[in-house]
Amino acid sequence: MTAVQTGIILLAAGDSSRLGSPKQMLLYQGQTLLQKSIGAALAAKAEQVLVVLGATGSEIAVPPASNQLQYILNPGWQEGMASSIRCGLEALCNQWPQLENVLVMACDQPFVSTEVLDKLVTLQGQTGSLVVSSRYRDTAGIPAIFNKALFPQLLQLKGDTGARKIIAGQQERISFVDFPLGHIDIDTREDYLGLQKH
């Protein structure tokens, strides 16, 4: 089996309560948001893509699993984003203990592209930074890469806080990739209507 240096965790477990229907299934440019995210991840410079599902389970249409693409169901998805990060990272580390970095991304950022993901991976390789984060509107956030030195912190995340606290705590060993459209995510019906007009 090919050594896995960088694995991608694609977060898609939420119940989209503010939207009223599964955001994973919203159509944009002929694909669902989840299909679009999976496509970007599979074409990126990472050896493995792990999609964390939850509220919708297997009800959503996704590409079939493969050597590079796997799915996992997070039984504790109601806790929030942290539980999906923990669930995905535990699965990756159990299967590929030599994992060096993990890239965390979410399915509700419609402008995440393979180009953005590759810039993150490339910059991490060039700098060796513990975190390589996307930067948008003076904010550092996902998609972001975390080195294995931070895996214990990722595994201690709780609630719906995600990884921004860890990103904020790495002021000295962090690098950034500018991603101007990264602030656009889909949480409400108004967000989706705005995306369609974009």
C-alpha atoms as a PDB file:
ATOM      1  CA  MET A   1       0.000   0.000   0.000  1.00  0.00           C
ATOM      2  CA  THR A   2       1.240   3.492  -0.820  1.00  0.00           C
ATOM      3  CA  ALA A   3       2.577   5.451   2.142  1.00  0.00           C
ATOM      4  CA  VAL A   4       0.152   8.156   3.172  1.00  0.00           C
ATOM      5  CA  GLN A   5       1.892  11.431   3.976  1.00  0.00           C
ATOM      6  CA  THR A   6      -1.146  13.705   3.789  1.00  0.00           C
ATOM      7  CA  GLY A   7      -4.733  12.672   4.379  1.00  0.00           C
ATOM      8  CA  ILE A   8      -7.798  14.821   3.823  1.00  0.00           C
ATOM      9  CA  ILE A   9     -10.710  14.850   6.260  1.00  0.00           C
ATOM     10  CA  LEU A  10     -13.826  16.172   4.551  1.00  0.00           C
ATOM     11  CA  LEU A  11     -16.450  17.180   7.096  1.00  0.00           C
ATOM     12  CA  ALA A  12     -20.002  16.413   5.945  1.00  0.00           C
ATOM     13  CA  ALA A  13     -21.766  15.146   9.061  1.00  0.00           C
ATOM     14  CA  GLY A  14     -23.975  18.053  10.133  1.00  0.00           C
ATOM     15  CA  ASP A  15     -27.761  18.149   9.983  1.00  0.00           C
ATOM     16  CA  SER A  16     -27.953  21.632   8.389  1.00  0.00           C
ATOM     17  CA  SER A  17     -30.518  22.723  10.997  1.00  0.00           C
ATOM     18  CA  ARG A  18     -30.332  26.401  10.015  1.00  0.00           C
ATOM     19  CA  LEU A  19     -30.845  25.545   6.349  1.00  0.00           C
ATOM     20  CA  GLY A  20     -33.747  23.136   6.823  1.00  0.00           C
ATOM     21  CA  SER A  21     -32.426  20.540   4.354  1.00  0.00           C
ATOM     22  CA  PRO A  22     -29.087  18.737   3.924  1.00  0.00           C
ATOM     23  CA  LYS A  23     -26.553  21.253   2.642  1.00  0.00           C
ATOM     24  CA  GLN A  24     -24.504  18.331   1.347  1.00  0.00           C
ATOM     25  CA  MET A  25     -27.134  17.846  -1.351  1.00  0.00           C
ATOM     26  CA  LEU A  26     -27.465  21.443  -2.535  1.00  0.00           C
ATOM     27  CA  LEU A  27     -26.704  21.826  -6.230  1.00  0.00           C
ATOM     28  CA  TYR A  28     -24.059  24.223  -7.491  1.00  0.00           C
ATOM     29  CA  GLN A  29     -22.594  24.220 -11.006  1.00  0.00           C
ATOM     30  CA  GLY A  30     -24.246  20.893 -11.807  1.00  0.00           C
ATOM     31  CA  GLN A  31     -23.002  19.029  -8.748  1.00  0.00           C
ATOM     32  CA  THR A  32     -23.964  18.775  -5.120  1.00  0.00           C
ATOM     33  CA  LEU A  33     -21.746  20.651  -2.700  1.00  0.00           C
ATOM     34  CA  LEU A  34     -20.481  17.331  -1.354  1.00  0.00           C
ATOM     35  CA  GLN A  35     -19.725  15.901  -4.805  1.00  0.00           C
ATOM     36  CA  LYS A  36     -17.878  19.103  -5.698  1.00  0.00           C
ATOM     37  CA  SER A  37     -15.812  18.937  -2.509  1.00  0.00           C
ATOM     38  CA  ILE A  38     -14.976  15.269  -3.006  1.00  0.00           C
ATOM     39  CA  GLY A  39     -13.856  15.962  -6.570  1.00  0.00           C
ATOM     40  CA  ALA A  40     -11.544  18.771  -5.455  1.00  0.00           C
ATOM     41  CA  ALA A  41     -10.086  16.595  -2.712  1.00  0.00           C
ATOM     42  CA  LEU A  42      -9.496  13.540  -4.914  1.00  0.00           C
ATOM     43  CA  ALA A  43      -7.562  15.612  -7.466  1.00  0.00           C
ATOM     44  CA  ALA A  44      -5.391  17.256  -4.807  1.00  0.00           C
ATOM     45  CA  LYS A  45      -1.859  16.320  -3.744  1.00  0.00           C
ATOM     46  CA  ALA A  46      -2.975  14.013  -0.953  1.00  0.00           C
ATOM     47  CA  GLU A  47      -2.885  10.247  -0.814  1.00  0.00           C
ATOM     48  CA  GLN A  48      -6.145   9.607   1.007  1.00  0.00           C
ATOM     49  CA  VAL A  49      -9.556  11.271   1.310  1.00  0.00           C
ATOM     50  CA  LEU A  50     -11.846  10.402   4.204  1.00  0.00           C
ATOM     51  CA  VAL A  51     -15.404  11.770   4.164  1.00  0.00           C
ATOM     52  CA  VAL A  52     -17.075  11.985   7.570  1.00  0.00           C
ATOM     53  CA  LEU A  53     -20.839  11.521   7.302  1.00  0.00           C
ATOM     54  CA  GLY A  54     -23.365  11.746  10.097  1.00  0.00           C
ATOM     55  CA  ALA A  55     -26.897  13.126  10.122  1.00  0.00           C
ATOM     56  CA  THR A  56     -27.729  12.079   6.571  1.00  0.00           C
ATOM     57  CA  GLY A  57     -25.867   8.788   6.756  1.00  0.00           C
ATOM     58  CA  SER A  58     -25.817   6.943   3.456  1.00  0.00           C
ATOM     59  CA  GLU A  59     -28.876   8.763   2.111  1.00  0.00           C
ATOM     60  CA  ILE A  60     -26.801  11.219   0.088  1.00  0.00           C
ATOM     61  CA  ALA A  61     -25.429  10.526  -3.365  1.00  0.00           C
ATOM     62  CA  VAL A  62     -21.653  10.176  -3.306  1.00  0.00           C
ATOM     63  CA  PRO A  63     -19.004   8.621  -5.533  1.00  0.00           C
ATOM     64  CA  PRO A  64     -18.199   4.996  -4.682  1.00  0.00           C
ATOM     65  CA  ALA A  65     -15.441   4.270  -2.189  1.00  0.00           C
ATOM     66  CA  SER A  66     -12.036   3.405  -3.639  1.00  0.00           C
ATOM     67  CA  ASN A  67      -8.423   2.939  -2.607  1.00  0.00           C
ATOM     68  CA  GLN A  68      -8.152   6.727  -2.311  1.00  0.00           C
ATOM     69  CA  LEU A  69     -11.660   7.564  -1.085  1.00  0.00           C
ATOM     70  CA  GLN A  70     -13.324   6.240   2.038  1.00  0.00           C
ATOM     71  CA  TYR A  71     -16.385   7.084   4.100  1.00  0.00           C
ATOM     72  CA  ILE A  72     -16.943   6.884   7.815  1.00  0.00           C
ATOM     73  CA  LEU A  73     -20.078   7.476   9.850  1.00  0.00           C
ATOM     74  CA  ASN A  74     -19.678   9.660  12.940  1.00  0.00           C
ATOM     75  CA  PRO A  75     -22.192   8.376  15.497  1.00  0.00           C
ATOM     76  CA  GLY A  76     -21.611  11.453  17.660  1.00  0.00           C
ATOM     77  CA  TRP A  77     -22.223  14.050  14.958  1.00  0.00           C
ATOM     78  CA  GLN A  78     -24.729  15.933  17.160  1.00  0.00           C
ATOM     79  CA  GLU A  79     -21.822  17.191  19.303  1.00  0.00           C
ATOM     80  CA  GLY A  80     -20.591  19.360  16.450  1.00  0.00           C
ATOM     81  CA  MET A  81     -17.600  19.756  14.188  1.00  0.00           C
ATOM     82  CA  ALA A  82     -15.042  18.679  16.799  1.00  0.00           C
ATOM     83  CA  SER A  83     -16.445  15.152  16.984  1.00  0.00           C
ATOM     84  CA  SER A  84     -16.160  14.736  13.216  1.00  0.00           C
ATOM     85  CA  ILE A  85     -12.546  15.934  13.249  1.00  0.00           C
ATOM     86  CA  ARG A  86     -11.739  13.468  16.027  1.00  0.00           C
ATOM     87  CA  CYS A  87     -13.611  10.661  14.287  1.00  0.00           C
ATOM     88  CA  GLY A  88     -11.870  11.257  10.970  1.00  0.00           C
ATOM     89  CA  LEU A  89      -8.399  11.673  12.444  1.00  0.00           C
ATOM     90  CA  GLU A  90      -8.688   8.531  14.561  1.00  0.00           C
ATOM     91  CA  ALA A  91      -9.724   6.545  11.477  1.00  0.00           C
ATOM     92  CA  LEU A  92      -6.855   7.897   9.374  1.00  0.00           C
ATOM     93  CA  CYS A  93      -4.242   7.342  12.077  1.00  0.00           C
ATOM     94  CA  ASN A  94      -5.447   3.801  12.777  1.00  0.00           C
ATOM     95  CA  GLN A  95      -5.157   2.847   9.132  1.00  0.00           C
ATOM     96  CA  TRP A  96      -2.063   4.903   8.291  1.00  0.00           C
ATOM     97  CA  PRO A  97       0.046   5.342  11.447  1.00  0.00           C
ATOM     98  CA  GLN A  98       2.814   6.969   9.388  1.00  0.00           C
ATOM     99  CA  LEU A  99       0.506   9.893   8.509  1.00  0.00           C
ATOM    100  CA  GLU A 100       2.467  13.162   8.607  1.00  0.00           C
ATOM    101  CA  ASN A 101      -0.227  15.759   7.974  1.00  0.00           C
ATOM    102  CA  VAL A 102      -3.979  16.042   7.831  1.00  0.00           C
ATOM    103  CA  LEU A 103      -5.905  18.576   5.760  1.00  0.00           C
ATOM    104  CA  VAL A 104      -9.288  19.484   7.228  1.00  0.00           C
ATOM    105  CA  MET A 105     -11.961  20.867   4.910  1.00  0.00           C
ATOM    106  CA  ALA A 106     -15.738  21.232   4.945  1.00  0.00           C
ATOM    107  CA  CYS A 107     -18.316  20.502   2.261  1.00  0.00           C
ATOM    108  CA  ASP A 108     -20.103  23.854   2.656  1.00  0.00           C
ATOM    109  CA  GLN A 109     -17.337  26.093   1.249  1.00  0.00           C
ATOM    110  CA  PRO A 110     -18.300  25.999  -2.433  1.00  0.00           C
ATOM    111  CA  PHE A 111     -15.188  27.772  -3.696  1.00  0.00           C
ATOM    112  CA  VAL A 112     -12.681  25.323  -2.268  1.00  0.00           C
ATOM    113  CA  SER A 113     -10.812  23.996  -5.297  1.00  0.00           C
ATOM    114  CA  THR A 114      -8.005  21.563  -6.003  1.00  0.00           C
ATOM    115  CA  GLU A 115      -5.798  24.592  -6.633  1.00  0.00           C
ATOM    116  CA  VAL A 116      -6.423  25.920  -3.124  1.00  0.00           C
ATOM    117  CA  LEU A 117      -5.806  22.506  -1.550  1.00  0.00           C
ATOM    118  CA  ASP A 118      -2.596  21.997  -3.545  1.00  0.00           C
ATOM    119  CA  LYS A 119      -1.283  25.389  -2.445  1.00  0.00           C
ATOM    120  CA  LEU A 120      -1.770  24.334   1.175  1.00  0.00           C
ATOM    121  CA  VAL A 121      -0.002  20.992   0.658  1.00  0.00           C
ATOM    122  CA  THR A 122       2.856  22.555  -1.304  1.00  0.00           C
ATOM    123  CA  LEU A 123       3.437  25.322   1.236  1.00  0.00           C
ATOM    124  CA  GLN A 124       3.497  22.834   4.102  1.00  0.00           C
ATOM    125  CA  GLY A 125       6.154  20.848   2.270  1.00  0.00           C
ATOM    126  CA  GLN A 126       8.206  23.972   1.657  1.00  0.00           C
ATOM    127  CA  THR A 127       7.967  25.423   5.167  1.00  0.00           C
ATOM    128  CA  GLY A 128       7.411  22.478   7.494  1.00  0.00           C
ATOM    129  CA  SER A 129       4.903  24.652   9.357  1.00  0.00           C
ATOM    130  CA  LEU A 130       2.785  22.987  12.024  1.00  0.00           C
ATOM    131  CA  VAL A 131      -0.263  24.694  10.489  1.00  0.00           C
ATOM    132  CA  VAL A 132      -0.889  25.942   6.974  1.00  0.00           C
ATOM    133  CA  SER A 133      -4.171  27.804   7.017  1.00  0.00           C
ATOM    134  CA  SER A 134      -6.408  29.483   4.512  1.00  0.00           C
ATOM    135  CA  ARG A 135      -6.758  33.207   5.097  1.00  0.00           C
ATOM    136  CA  TYR A 136      -9.831  35.254   4.216  1.00  0.00           C
ATOM    137  CA  ARG A 137     -11.282  38.521   5.502  1.00  0.00           C
ATOM    138  CA  ASP A 138      -8.544  38.801   8.146  1.00  0.00           C
ATOM    139  CA  THR A 139      -9.518  35.342   9.400  1.00  0.00           C
ATOM    140  CA  ALA A 140      -7.479  32.142   9.452  1.00  0.00           C
ATOM    141  CA  GLY A 141      -9.550  29.008   8.974  1.00  0.00           C
ATOM    142  CA  ILE A 142     -10.160  25.854   7.028  1.00  0.00           C
ATOM    143  CA  PRO A 143      -9.260  24.370   4.717  1.00  0.00           C
ATOM    144  CA  ALA A 144      -6.074  24.006   6.721  1.00  0.00           C
ATOM    145  CA  ILE A 145      -3.274  21.495   7.164  1.00  0.00           C
ATOM    146  CA  PHE A 146      -2.157  20.285  10.581  1.00  0.00           C
ATOM    147  CA  ASN A 147       1.124  18.487  11.205  1.00  0.00           C
ATOM    148  CA  LYS A 148       1.131  15.284  13.258  1.00  0.00           C
ATOM    149  CA  ALA A 149       2.658  17.210  16.184  1.00  0.00           C
ATOM    150  CA  LEU A 150      -0.807  18.759  16.598  1.00  0.00           C
ATOM    151  CA  PHE A 151      -2.810  15.547  16.290  1.00  0.00           C
ATOM    152  CA  PRO A 152      -3.131  15.229  20.101  1.00  0.00           C
ATOM    153  CA  GLN A 153      -4.686  18.712  20.235  1.00  0.00           C
ATOM    154  CA  LEU A 154      -7.070  17.876  17.392  1.00  0.00           C
ATOM    155  CA  LEU A 155      -8.143  14.739  19.230  1.00  0.00           C
ATOM    156  CA  GLN A 156      -8.986  16.818  22.314  1.00  0.00           C
ATOM    157  CA  LEU A 157     -11.343  19.208  20.521  1.00  0.00           C
ATOM    158  CA  LYS A 158     -14.841  19.411  21.957  1.00  0.00           C
ATOM    159  CA  GLY A 159     -18.190  20.811  20.825  1.00  0.00           C
ATOM    160  CA  ASP A 160     -18.757  22.852  17.707  1.00  0.00           C
ATOM    161  CA  THR A 161     -15.567  24.926  17.892  1.00  0.00           C
ATOM    162  CA  GLY A 162     -13.706  23.278  15.045  1.00  0.00           C
ATOM    163  CA  ALA A 163      -9.964  23.821  14.761  1.00  0.00           C
ATOM    164  CA  ARG A 164      -9.733  27.623  14.773  1.00  0.00           C
ATOM    165  CA  LYS A 165      -8.525  27.672  18.366  1.00  0.00           C
ATOM    166  CA  ILE A 166      -5.583  25.471  17.404  1.00  0.00           C
ATOM    167  CA  ILE A 167      -4.864  27.643  14.360  1.00  0.00           C
ATOM    168  CA  ALA A 168      -4.927  30.773  16.525  1.00  0.00           C
ATOM    169  CA  GLY A 169      -2.491  29.193  18.976  1.00  0.00           C
ATOM    170  CA  GLN A 170       0.217  28.624  16.366  1.00  0.00           C
ATOM    171  CA  GLN A 171       1.461  32.159  15.856  1.00  0.00           C
ATOM    172  CA  GLU A 172       5.106  31.181  15.338  1.00  0.00           C
ATOM    173  CA  ARG A 173       4.873  28.014  13.245  1.00  0.00           C
ATOM    174  CA  ILE A 174       2.041  28.862  10.885  1.00  0.00           C
ATOM    175  CA  SER A 175       1.904  29.753   7.192  1.00  0.00           C
ATOM    176  CA  PHE A 176      -0.977  31.136   5.173  1.00  0.00           C
ATOM    177  CA  VAL A 177      -2.532  30.703   1.749  1.00  0.00           C
ATOM    178  CA  ASP A 178      -4.754  33.573   0.682  1.00  0.00           C
ATOM    179  CA  PHE A 179      -8.208  32.303  -0.264  1.00  0.00           C
ATOM    180  CA  PRO A 180     -10.405  35.401  -0.794  1.00  0.00           C
ATOM    181  CA  LEU A 181     -13.632  33.426  -1.322  1.00  0.00           C
ATOM    182  CA  GLY A 182     -13.078  31.212   1.694  1.00  0.00           C
ATOM    183  CA  HIS A 183     -15.456  33.243   3.826  1.00  0.00           C
ATOM    184  CA  ILE A 184     -18.401  32.034   1.728  1.00  0.00           C
ATOM    185  CA  ASP A 185     -20.053  29.034   3.319  1.00  0.00           C
ATOM    186  CA  ILE A 186     -23.620  27.821   3.189  1.00  0.00           C
ATOM    187  CA  ASP A 187     -25.511  27.784   6.479  1.00  0.00           C
ATOM    188  CA  THR A 188     -28.879  29.305   5.576  1.00  0.00           C
ATOM    189  CA  ARG A 189     -31.280  29.505   2.649  1.00  0.00           C
ATOM    190  CA  GLU A 190     -30.165  33.121   2.153  1.00  0.00           C
ATOM    191  CA  ASP A 191     -26.545  31.953   1.845  1.00  0.00           C
ATOM    192  CA  TYR A 192     -27.554  29.497  -0.864  1.00  0.00           C
ATOM    193  CA  LEU A 193     -29.580  32.091  -2.784  1.00  0.00           C
ATOM    194  CA  GLY A 194     -26.576  34.404  -2.626  1.00  0.00           C
ATOM    195  CA  LEU A 195     -24.328  31.650  -3.964  1.00  0.00           C
ATOM    196  CA  GLN A 196     -26.598  31.111  -6.948  1.00  0.00           C
ATOM    197  CA  LYS A 197     -26.258  34.784  -7.816  1.00  0.00           C
ATOM    198  CA  HIS A 198     -22.480  34.800  -7.370  1.00  0.00           C
END
